Amino acid sequence: MNVVHRLVGYSKATLVAVEHEIPADLMPFMKLLAGLAPDDPAVMCYPLIASREISYYLEGFSDET
């Protein structure tokens, strides 16, 4: 299974507000932000930051291509 990682922002008003694919070269930094070990495959959903309006997560998705 190939995993694609995305930064996903959920708004309390509109549910998914933003979604951006994360390039492989930024994954070490994103894992650091999420508190993950460098060798963690990051296939689940990990909270990054939240405000009153939007919450951001690092999410792993199955790549069907």
PDB file of N, CA and C in Angstrom:
ATOM      1  N   MET A   1       0.852  -1.185   0.000  1.00  0.00           N
ATOM      2  CA  MET A   1       0.000   0.000   0.000  1.00  0.00           C
ATOM      3  C   MET A   1       0.891   1.238   0.000  1.00  0.00           C
ATOM      4  N   ASN A   2       0.634   2.132  -0.899  1.00  0.00           N
ATOM      5  CA  ASN A   2       1.326   3.412  -0.964  1.00  0.00           C
ATOM      6  C   ASN A   2       0.488   4.448  -0.206  1.00  0.00           C
ATOM      7  N   VAL A   3       1.152   5.280   0.597  1.00  0.00           N
ATOM      8  CA  VAL A   3       0.442   6.267   1.412  1.00  0.00           C
ATOM      9  C   VAL A   3       0.782   7.672   0.931  1.00  0.00           C
ATOM     10  N   VAL A   4      -0.259   8.480   0.768  1.00  0.00           N
ATOM     11  CA  VAL A   4      -0.116   9.899   0.444  1.00  0.00           C
ATOM     12  C   VAL A   4      -0.460  10.668   1.706  1.00  0.00           C
ATOM     13  N   HIS A   5       0.346  11.657   2.044  1.00  0.00           N
ATOM     14  CA  HIS A   5       0.106  12.445   3.258  1.00  0.00           C
ATOM     15  C   HIS A   5      -0.428  13.817   2.879  1.00  0.00           C
ATOM     16  N   ARG A   6      -1.388  14.282   3.687  1.00  0.00           N
ATOM     17  CA  ARG A   6      -2.003  15.587   3.440  1.00  0.00           C
ATOM     18  C   ARG A   6      -2.119  16.371   4.730  1.00  0.00           C
ATOM     19  N   LEU A   7      -2.025  17.673   4.592  1.00  0.00           N
ATOM     20  CA  LEU A   7      -2.359  18.600   5.665  1.00  0.00           C
ATOM     21  C   LEU A   7      -3.832  18.929   5.453  1.00  0.00           C
ATOM     22  N   VAL A   8      -4.657  18.597   6.442  1.00  0.00           N
ATOM     23  CA  VAL A   8      -6.096  18.807   6.302  1.00  0.00           C
ATOM     24  C   VAL A   8      -6.560  19.724   7.424  1.00  0.00           C
ATOM     25  N   GLY A   9      -7.308  20.750   7.041  1.00  0.00           N
ATOM     26  CA  GLY A   9      -7.886  21.678   8.004  1.00  0.00           C
ATOM     27  C   GLY A   9      -9.383  21.492   8.057  1.00  0.00           C
ATOM     28  N   TYR A  10      -9.891  21.276   9.256  1.00  0.00           N
ATOM     29  CA  TYR A  10     -11.330  21.102   9.457  1.00  0.00           C
ATOM     30  C   TYR A  10     -11.895  22.340  10.143  1.00  0.00           C
ATOM     31  N   SER A  11     -12.880  22.947   9.501  1.00  0.00           N
ATOM     32  CA  SER A  11     -13.559  24.111  10.051  1.00  0.00           C
ATOM     33  C   SER A  11     -14.812  23.649  10.773  1.00  0.00           C
ATOM     34  N   LYS A  12     -15.117  24.290  11.877  1.00  0.00           N
ATOM     35  CA  LYS A  12     -16.346  23.948  12.594  1.00  0.00           C
ATOM     36  C   LYS A  12     -17.582  24.277  11.761  1.00  0.00           C
ATOM     37  N   ALA A  13     -17.474  25.225  10.846  1.00  0.00           N
ATOM     38  CA  ALA A  13     -18.624  25.643  10.043  1.00  0.00           C
ATOM     39  C   ALA A  13     -18.793  24.820   8.766  1.00  0.00           C
ATOM     40  N   THR A  14     -17.686  24.453   8.111  1.00  0.00           N
ATOM     41  CA  THR A  14     -17.797  23.825   6.786  1.00  0.00           C
ATOM     42  C   THR A  14     -17.179  22.434   6.695  1.00  0.00           C
ATOM     43  N   LEU A  15     -16.760  21.865   7.793  1.00  0.00           N
ATOM     44  CA  LEU A  15     -16.050  20.581   7.852  1.00  0.00           C
ATOM     45  C   LEU A  15     -14.680  20.709   7.203  1.00  0.00           C
ATOM     46  N   VAL A  16     -14.430  20.092   6.041  1.00  0.00           N
ATOM     47  CA  VAL A  16     -13.104  20.198   5.436  1.00  0.00           C
ATOM     48  C   VAL A  16     -12.962  21.564   4.794  1.00  0.00           C
ATOM     49  N   ALA A  17     -12.021  22.353   5.317  1.00  0.00           N
ATOM     50  CA  ALA A  17     -11.824  23.708   4.810  1.00  0.00           C
ATOM     51  C   ALA A  17     -10.654  23.779   3.837  1.00  0.00           C
ATOM     52  N   VAL A  18      -9.579  23.051   4.134  1.00  0.00           N
ATOM     53  CA  VAL A  18      -8.393  23.043   3.274  1.00  0.00           C
ATOM     54  C   VAL A  18      -7.796  21.639   3.269  1.00  0.00           C
ATOM     55  N   GLU A  19      -7.168  21.300   2.152  1.00  0.00           N
ATOM     56  CA  GLU A  19      -6.499  20.015   2.044  1.00  0.00           C
ATOM     57  C   GLU A  19      -5.354  20.166   1.058  1.00  0.00           C
ATOM     58  N   HIS A  20      -4.129  19.894   1.525  1.00  0.00           N
ATOM     59  CA  HIS A  20      -2.939  20.040   0.689  1.00  0.00           C
ATOM     60  C   HIS A  20      -2.084  18.786   0.792  1.00  0.00           C
ATOM     61  N   GLU A  21      -1.655  18.262  -0.342  1.00  0.00           N
ATOM     62  CA  GLU A  21      -0.744  17.128  -0.332  1.00  0.00           C
ATOM     63  C   GLU A  21       0.622  17.591   0.172  1.00  0.00           C
ATOM     64  N   ILE A  22       1.269  16.762   0.979  1.00  0.00           N
ATOM     65  CA  ILE A  22       2.568  17.102   1.556  1.00  0.00           C
ATOM     66  C   ILE A  22       3.660  16.414   0.747  1.00  0.00           C
ATOM     67  N   PRO A  23       4.590  17.174   0.182  1.00  0.00           N
ATOM     68  CA  PRO A  23       5.701  16.569  -0.551  1.00  0.00           C
ATOM     69  C   PRO A  23       6.568  15.704   0.384  1.00  0.00           C
ATOM     70  N   ALA A  24       7.146  14.659  -0.157  1.00  0.00           N
ATOM     71  CA  ALA A  24       7.950  13.717   0.628  1.00  0.00           C
ATOM     72  C   ALA A  24       9.095  14.413   1.365  1.00  0.00           C
ATOM     73  N   ASP A  25       9.685  15.437   0.769  1.00  0.00           N
ATOM     74  CA  ASP A  25      10.815  16.105   1.417  1.00  0.00           C
ATOM     75  C   ASP A  25      10.405  16.919   2.651  1.00  0.00           C
ATOM     76  N   LEU A  26       9.112  17.195   2.820  1.00  0.00           N
ATOM     77  CA  LEU A  26       8.628  17.909   4.011  1.00  0.00           C
ATOM     78  C   LEU A  26       8.121  16.977   5.113  1.00  0.00           C
ATOM     79  N   MET A  27       8.034  15.680   4.817  1.00  0.00           N
ATOM     80  CA  MET A  27       7.501  14.744   5.805  1.00  0.00           C
ATOM     81  C   MET A  27       8.314  14.675   7.093  1.00  0.00           C
ATOM     82  N   PRO A  28       9.648  14.723   7.067  1.00  0.00           N
ATOM     83  CA  PRO A  28      10.366  14.714   8.350  1.00  0.00           C
ATOM     84  C   PRO A  28       9.958  15.885   9.254  1.00  0.00           C
ATOM     85  N   PHE A  29       9.763  17.063   8.682  1.00  0.00           N
ATOM     86  CA  PHE A  29       9.328  18.224   9.454  1.00  0.00           C
ATOM     87  C   PHE A  29       7.896  18.031   9.972  1.00  0.00           C
ATOM     88  N   MET A  30       7.011  17.515   9.121  1.00  0.00           N
ATOM     89  CA  MET A  30       5.622  17.300   9.535  1.00  0.00           C
ATOM     90  C   MET A  30       5.538  16.255  10.645  1.00  0.00           C
ATOM     91  N   LYS A  31       6.358  15.204  10.567  1.00  0.00           N
ATOM     92  CA  LYS A  31       6.381  14.194  11.627  1.00  0.00           C
ATOM     93  C   LYS A  31       6.867  14.804  12.930  1.00  0.00           C
ATOM     94  N   LEU A  32       7.850  15.676  12.845  1.00  0.00           N
ATOM     95  CA  LEU A  32       8.341  16.369  14.034  1.00  0.00           C
ATOM     96  C   LEU A  32       7.229  17.199  14.669  1.00  0.00           C
ATOM     97  N   LEU A  33       6.475  17.945  13.856  1.00  0.00           N
ATOM     98  CA  LEU A  33       5.356  18.745  14.368  1.00  0.00           C
ATOM     99  C   LEU A  33       4.296  17.879  15.038  1.00  0.00           C
ATOM    100  N   ALA A  34       4.067  16.684  14.467  1.00  0.00           N
ATOM    101  CA  ALA A  34       3.038  15.784  14.990  1.00  0.00           C
ATOM    102  C   ALA A  34       3.539  14.959  16.175  1.00  0.00           C
ATOM    103  N   GLY A  35       4.840  15.056  16.499  1.00  0.00           N
ATOM    104  CA  GLY A  35       5.389  14.295  17.610  1.00  0.00           C
ATOM    105  C   GLY A  35       5.634  12.835  17.281  1.00  0.00           C
ATOM    106  N   LEU A  36       5.840  12.533  15.997  1.00  0.00           N
ATOM    107  CA  LEU A  36       6.064  11.155  15.565  1.00  0.00           C
ATOM    108  C   LEU A  36       7.555  10.851  15.445  1.00  0.00           C
ATOM    109  N   ALA A  37       7.896   9.581  15.559  1.00  0.00           N
ATOM    110  CA  ALA A  37       9.272   9.143  15.333  1.00  0.00           C
ATOM    111  C   ALA A  37       9.576   9.241  13.840  1.00  0.00           C
ATOM    112  N   PRO A  38      10.844   9.483  13.473  1.00  0.00           N
ATOM    113  CA  PRO A  38      11.212   9.599  12.056  1.00  0.00           C
ATOM    114  C   PRO A  38      10.851   8.370  11.218  1.00  0.00           C
ATOM    115  N   ASP A  39      10.833   7.178  11.831  1.00  0.00           N
ATOM    116  CA  ASP A  39      10.521   5.966  11.075  1.00  0.00           C
ATOM    117  C   ASP A  39       9.044   5.581  11.118  1.00  0.00           C
ATOM    118  N   ASP A  40       8.197   6.397  11.754  1.00  0.00           N
ATOM    119  CA  ASP A  40       6.749   6.131  11.803  1.00  0.00           C
ATOM    120  C   ASP A  40       6.161   6.337  10.412  1.00  0.00           C
ATOM    121  N   PRO A  41       5.370   5.385   9.896  1.00  0.00           N
ATOM    122  CA  PRO A  41       4.798   5.541   8.556  1.00  0.00           C
ATOM    123  C   PRO A  41       3.697   6.605   8.470  1.00  0.00           C
ATOM    124  N   ALA A  42       3.188   7.076   9.592  1.00  0.00           N
ATOM    125  CA  ALA A  42       2.180   8.151   9.647  1.00  0.00           C
ATOM    126  C   ALA A  42       0.973   7.834   8.775  1.00  0.00           C
ATOM    127  N   VAL A  43       0.339   6.698   9.035  1.00  0.00           N
ATOM    128  CA  VAL A  43      -0.815   6.293   8.232  1.00  0.00           C
ATOM    129  C   VAL A  43      -2.152   6.636   8.888  1.00  0.00           C
ATOM    130  N   MET A  44      -2.123   7.284  10.031  1.00  0.00           N
ATOM    131  CA  MET A  44      -3.369   7.641  10.713  1.00  0.00           C
ATOM    132  C   MET A  44      -3.569   9.155  10.671  1.00  0.00           C
ATOM    133  N   CYS A  45      -4.326   9.676  11.601  1.00  0.00           N
ATOM    134  CA  CYS A  45      -4.623  11.109  11.683  1.00  0.00           C
ATOM    135  C   CYS A  45      -3.977  11.667  12.947  1.00  0.00           C
ATOM    136  N   TYR A  46      -3.180  12.747  12.791  1.00  0.00           N
ATOM    137  CA  TYR A  46      -2.424  13.303  13.904  1.00  0.00           C
ATOM    138  C   TYR A  46      -2.707  14.799  14.034  1.00  0.00           C
ATOM    139  N   PRO A  47      -3.161  15.258  15.202  1.00  0.00           N
ATOM    140  CA  PRO A  47      -3.438  16.689  15.374  1.00  0.00           C
ATOM    141  C   PRO A  47      -2.161  17.509  15.338  1.00  0.00           C
ATOM    142  N   LEU A  48      -2.224  18.660  14.691  1.00  0.00           N
ATOM    143  CA  LEU A  48      -1.079  19.562  14.617  1.00  0.00           C
ATOM    144  C   LEU A  48      -1.332  20.841  15.391  1.00  0.00           C
ATOM    145  N   ILE A  49      -2.394  21.562  15.042  1.00  0.00           N
ATOM    146  CA  ILE A  49      -2.688  22.844  15.687  1.00  0.00           C
ATOM    147  C   ILE A  49      -4.183  23.119  15.551  1.00  0.00           C
ATOM    148  N   ALA A  50      -4.732  23.826  16.516  1.00  0.00           N
ATOM    149  CA  ALA A  50      -6.159  24.137  16.479  1.00  0.00           C
ATOM    150  C   ALA A  50      -6.393  25.565  16.958  1.00  0.00           C
ATOM    151  N   SER A  51      -7.410  26.179  16.390  1.00  0.00           N
ATOM    152  CA  SER A  51      -7.869  27.486  16.843  1.00  0.00           C
ATOM    153  C   SER A  51      -9.385  27.389  17.043  1.00  0.00           C
ATOM    154  N   ARG A  52     -10.019  28.485  17.301  1.00  0.00           N
ATOM    155  CA  ARG A  52     -11.474  28.448  17.468  1.00  0.00           C
ATOM    156  C   ARG A  52     -12.187  28.114  16.168  1.00  0.00           C
ATOM    157  N   GLU A  53     -11.604  28.496  15.038  1.00  0.00           N
ATOM    158  CA  GLU A  53     -12.272  28.321  13.750  1.00  0.00           C
ATOM    159  C   GLU A  53     -11.864  27.065  12.991  1.00  0.00           C
ATOM    160  N   ILE A  54     -10.595  26.642  13.118  1.00  0.00           N
ATOM    161  CA  ILE A  54     -10.097  25.556  12.278  1.00  0.00           C
ATOM    162  C   ILE A  54      -9.067  24.718  13.043  1.00  0.00           C
ATOM    163  N   SER A  55      -9.067  23.428  12.758  1.00  0.00           N
ATOM    164  CA  SER A  55      -8.100  22.501  13.347  1.00  0.00           C
ATOM    165  C   SER A  55      -7.351  21.810  12.218  1.00  0.00           C
ATOM    166  N   TYR A  56      -6.031  21.730  12.336  1.00  0.00           N
ATOM    167  CA  TYR A  56      -5.192  21.120  11.295  1.00  0.00           C
ATOM    168  C   TYR A  56      -4.660  19.771  11.748  1.00  0.00           C
ATOM    169  N   TYR A  57      -4.611  18.843  10.789  1.00  0.00           N
ATOM    170  CA  TYR A  57      -4.144  17.488  11.055  1.00  0.00           C
ATOM    171  C   TYR A  57      -3.221  17.020   9.939  1.00  0.00           C
ATOM    172  N   LEU A  58      -2.289  16.153  10.317  1.00  0.00           N
ATOM    173  CA  LEU A  58      -1.501  15.401   9.353  1.00  0.00           C
ATOM    174  C   LEU A  58      -2.245  14.090   9.162  1.00  0.00           C
ATOM    175  N   GLU A  59      -2.635  13.787   7.915  1.00  0.00           N
ATOM    176  CA  GLU A  59      -3.404  12.583   7.649  1.00  0.00           C
ATOM    177  C   GLU A  59      -2.757  11.756   6.552  1.00  0.00           C
ATOM    178  N   GLY A  60      -2.785  10.448   6.734  1.00  0.00           N
ATOM    179  CA  GLY A  60      -2.301   9.523   5.726  1.00  0.00           C
ATOM    180  C   GLY A  60      -3.474   8.906   4.969  1.00  0.00           C
ATOM    181  N   PHE A  61      -3.367   8.880   3.652  1.00  0.00           N
ATOM    182  CA  PHE A  61      -4.416   8.328   2.796  1.00  0.00           C
ATOM    183  C   PHE A  61      -3.817   7.270   1.893  1.00  0.00           C
ATOM    184  N   SER A  62      -4.587   6.245   1.589  1.00  0.00           N
ATOM    185  CA  SER A  62      -4.158   5.229   0.639  1.00  0.00           C
ATOM    186  C   SER A  62      -4.148   5.824  -0.750  1.00  0.00           C
ATOM    187  N   ASP A  63      -3.032   5.642  -1.455  1.00  0.00           N
ATOM    188  CA  ASP A  63      -2.903   6.125  -2.833  1.00  0.00           C
ATOM    189  C   ASP A  63      -3.376   5.036  -3.769  1.00  0.00           C
ATOM    190  N   GLU A  64      -4.513   5.250  -4.402  1.00  0.00           N
ATOM    191  CA  GLU A  64      -5.123   4.248  -5.280  1.00  0.00           C
ATOM    192  C   GLU A  64      -4.562   4.261  -6.696  1.00  0.00           C
ATOM    193  N   THR A  65      -3.622   5.158  -6.996  1.00  0.00           N
ATOM    194  CA  THR A  65      -3.089   5.222  -8.364  1.00  0.00           C
ATOM    195  C   THR A  65      -2.030   4.205  -8.594  1.00  0.00           C
TER     196      THR A  65
END
